Amino acid sequence: MVALSIRLSNEKWYIIDILEDAYTGARYFVRSYGEKEYVEAKNFMEVVFQCIGISST
């Protein structure tokens, strides 16, 4: 599982950046995201939830 987590974070580092930016932006700035960013981030989080055994539905 650790190897999968490392691989996932290495392959999808840009989505982690988007999520970090979204978190900070939601607290301090007005920022909007396009559909592409939304879909990529949503799919990434679904994989993360599957890896840690959390249902996303």
N, C-alpha and C. Protein backbone atom coordinates (compact mmCIF):
# COMPACT_ATOMS: atom_id res chain seq x y z
N MET A 1 0.82 -1.19 0.00
CA MET A 1 0.00 0.00 0.00
C MET A 1 0.86 1.26 0.00
N VAL A 2 1.97 1.23 0.72
CA VAL A 2 2.85 2.40 0.75
C VAL A 2 3.43 2.66 -0.64
N ALA A 3 3.82 1.59 -1.34
CA ALA A 3 4.36 1.75 -2.68
C ALA A 3 3.32 2.37 -3.62
N LEU A 4 2.07 1.95 -3.48
CA LEU A 4 1.00 2.51 -4.30
C LEU A 4 0.81 3.99 -3.98
N SER A 5 0.87 4.35 -2.72
CA SER A 5 0.71 5.75 -2.31
C SER A 5 1.82 6.61 -2.89
N ILE A 6 3.04 6.10 -2.85
CA ILE A 6 4.18 6.85 -3.38
C ILE A 6 4.05 6.98 -4.89
N ARG A 7 3.69 5.89 -5.57
CA ARG A 7 3.53 5.94 -7.02
C ARG A 7 2.43 6.92 -7.41
N LEU A 8 1.32 6.85 -6.69
CA LEU A 8 0.19 7.73 -6.98
C LEU A 8 0.57 9.19 -6.79
N SER A 9 1.27 9.50 -5.72
CA SER A 9 1.66 10.89 -5.48
C SER A 9 2.71 11.36 -6.48
N ASN A 10 3.59 10.47 -6.94
CA ASN A 10 4.57 10.85 -7.95
C ASN A 10 3.93 11.07 -9.31
N GLU A 11 2.93 10.26 -9.65
CA GLU A 11 2.27 10.39 -10.95
C GLU A 11 1.27 11.53 -10.98
N LYS A 12 0.64 11.81 -9.87
CA LYS A 12 -0.45 12.80 -9.84
C LYS A 12 -0.10 14.01 -8.98
N TRP A 13 1.17 14.38 -8.94
CA TRP A 13 1.61 15.50 -8.11
C TRP A 13 0.86 16.78 -8.44
N TYR A 14 0.51 16.97 -9.71
CA TYR A 14 -0.16 18.20 -10.12
C TYR A 14 -1.57 18.29 -9.53
N ILE A 15 -2.22 17.15 -9.32
CA ILE A 15 -3.55 17.17 -8.72
C ILE A 15 -3.44 17.51 -7.24
N ILE A 16 -2.41 17.01 -6.59
CA ILE A 16 -2.18 17.37 -5.19
C ILE A 16 -1.97 18.87 -5.08
N ASP A 17 -1.23 19.46 -6.02
CA ASP A 17 -1.05 20.91 -6.04
C ASP A 17 -2.38 21.64 -6.21
N ILE A 18 -3.23 21.14 -7.11
CA ILE A 18 -4.55 21.76 -7.32
C ILE A 18 -5.37 21.69 -6.03
N LEU A 19 -5.37 20.54 -5.38
CA LEU A 19 -6.15 20.39 -4.15
C LEU A 19 -5.62 21.29 -3.04
N GLU A 20 -4.31 21.39 -2.94
CA GLU A 20 -3.71 22.28 -1.92
C GLU A 20 -4.08 23.73 -2.21
N ASP A 21 -3.99 24.12 -3.48
CA ASP A 21 -4.36 25.47 -3.88
C ASP A 21 -5.84 25.74 -3.61
N ALA A 22 -6.68 24.75 -3.90
CA ALA A 22 -8.12 24.90 -3.67
C ALA A 22 -8.42 25.08 -2.20
N TYR A 23 -7.75 24.32 -1.35
CA TYR A 23 -7.97 24.44 0.09
C TYR A 23 -7.58 25.84 0.57
N THR A 24 -6.39 26.28 0.19
CA THR A 24 -5.92 27.59 0.62
C THR A 24 -6.80 28.69 0.02
N GLY A 25 -7.12 28.55 -1.26
CA GLY A 25 -7.94 29.55 -1.93
C GLY A 25 -9.33 29.66 -1.33
N ALA A 26 -9.89 28.53 -0.93
CA ALA A 26 -11.24 28.55 -0.35
C ALA A 26 -11.25 29.29 0.99
N ARG A 27 -10.14 29.26 1.67
CA ARG A 27 -10.08 29.93 2.97
C ARG A 27 -9.74 31.42 2.86
N TYR A 28 -8.92 31.77 1.87
CA TYR A 28 -8.38 33.13 1.86
C TYR A 28 -8.64 33.93 0.59
N PHE A 29 -8.95 33.28 -0.52
CA PHE A 29 -9.08 33.97 -1.79
C PHE A 29 -10.33 33.51 -2.54
N VAL A 30 -10.70 34.27 -3.55
CA VAL A 30 -11.75 33.84 -4.45
C VAL A 30 -11.04 33.22 -5.65
N ARG A 31 -11.29 31.98 -5.89
CA ARG A 31 -10.61 31.25 -6.99
C ARG A 31 -11.61 30.30 -7.62
N SER A 32 -11.59 30.20 -8.92
CA SER A 32 -12.47 29.26 -9.60
C SER A 32 -11.63 28.26 -10.38
N TYR A 33 -12.19 27.10 -10.60
CA TYR A 33 -11.50 26.02 -11.30
C TYR A 33 -12.37 25.55 -12.44
N GLY A 34 -11.73 25.06 -13.48
CA GLY A 34 -12.44 24.55 -14.63
C GLY A 34 -12.90 23.13 -14.42
N GLU A 35 -13.67 22.66 -15.37
CA GLU A 35 -14.20 21.30 -15.29
C GLU A 35 -13.08 20.26 -15.33
N LYS A 36 -12.04 20.51 -16.10
CA LYS A 36 -10.93 19.57 -16.19
C LYS A 36 -10.25 19.37 -14.84
N GLU A 37 -9.99 20.47 -14.14
CA GLU A 37 -9.38 20.37 -12.81
C GLU A 37 -10.30 19.62 -11.84
N TYR A 38 -11.59 19.94 -11.92
CA TYR A 38 -12.56 19.27 -11.05
C TYR A 38 -12.57 17.76 -11.28
N VAL A 39 -12.66 17.36 -12.54
CA VAL A 39 -12.75 15.93 -12.87
C VAL A 39 -11.48 15.21 -12.45
N GLU A 40 -10.31 15.79 -12.74
CA GLU A 40 -9.05 15.16 -12.37
C GLU A 40 -8.92 15.02 -10.84
N ALA A 41 -9.25 16.08 -10.12
CA ALA A 41 -9.16 16.04 -8.66
C ALA A 41 -10.15 15.03 -8.07
N LYS A 42 -11.35 14.99 -8.61
CA LYS A 42 -12.37 14.05 -8.12
C LYS A 42 -11.92 12.61 -8.35
N ASN A 43 -11.44 12.32 -9.55
CA ASN A 43 -10.96 10.96 -9.84
C ASN A 43 -9.79 10.58 -8.95
N PHE A 44 -8.88 11.51 -8.74
CA PHE A 44 -7.73 11.26 -7.87
C PHE A 44 -8.19 10.94 -6.45
N MET A 45 -9.12 11.72 -5.93
CA MET A 45 -9.58 11.49 -4.56
C MET A 45 -10.33 10.17 -4.44
N GLU A 46 -11.04 9.75 -5.48
CA GLU A 46 -11.71 8.45 -5.45
C GLU A 46 -10.69 7.32 -5.33
N VAL A 47 -9.57 7.44 -6.05
CA VAL A 47 -8.51 6.43 -5.96
C VAL A 47 -7.88 6.45 -4.57
N VAL A 48 -7.64 7.64 -4.04
CA VAL A 48 -7.08 7.75 -2.69
C VAL A 48 -8.02 7.10 -1.68
N PHE A 49 -9.31 7.40 -1.77
CA PHE A 49 -10.28 6.81 -0.86
C PHE A 49 -10.31 5.29 -0.97
N GLN A 50 -10.21 4.76 -2.19
CA GLN A 50 -10.17 3.31 -2.38
C GLN A 50 -8.94 2.72 -1.71
N CYS A 51 -7.80 3.40 -1.84
CA CYS A 51 -6.55 2.91 -1.24
C CYS A 51 -6.64 2.82 0.28
N ILE A 52 -7.38 3.73 0.88
CA ILE A 52 -7.45 3.71 2.34
C ILE A 52 -8.75 3.11 2.86
N GLY A 53 -9.55 2.57 1.94
CA GLY A 53 -10.75 1.84 2.35
C GLY A 53 -11.94 2.68 2.72
N ILE A 54 -12.07 3.85 2.12
CA ILE A 54 -13.20 4.74 2.38
C ILE A 54 -14.06 4.79 1.12
N SER A 55 -15.35 4.62 1.28
CA SER A 55 -16.27 4.71 0.14
C SER A 55 -16.52 6.17 -0.18
N SER A 56 -16.44 6.54 -1.46
CA SER A 56 -16.66 7.93 -1.86
C SER A 56 -18.09 8.19 -2.30
N THR A 57 -18.95 7.18 -2.20
CA THR A 57 -20.34 7.38 -2.60
C THR A 57 -21.25 7.39 -1.41
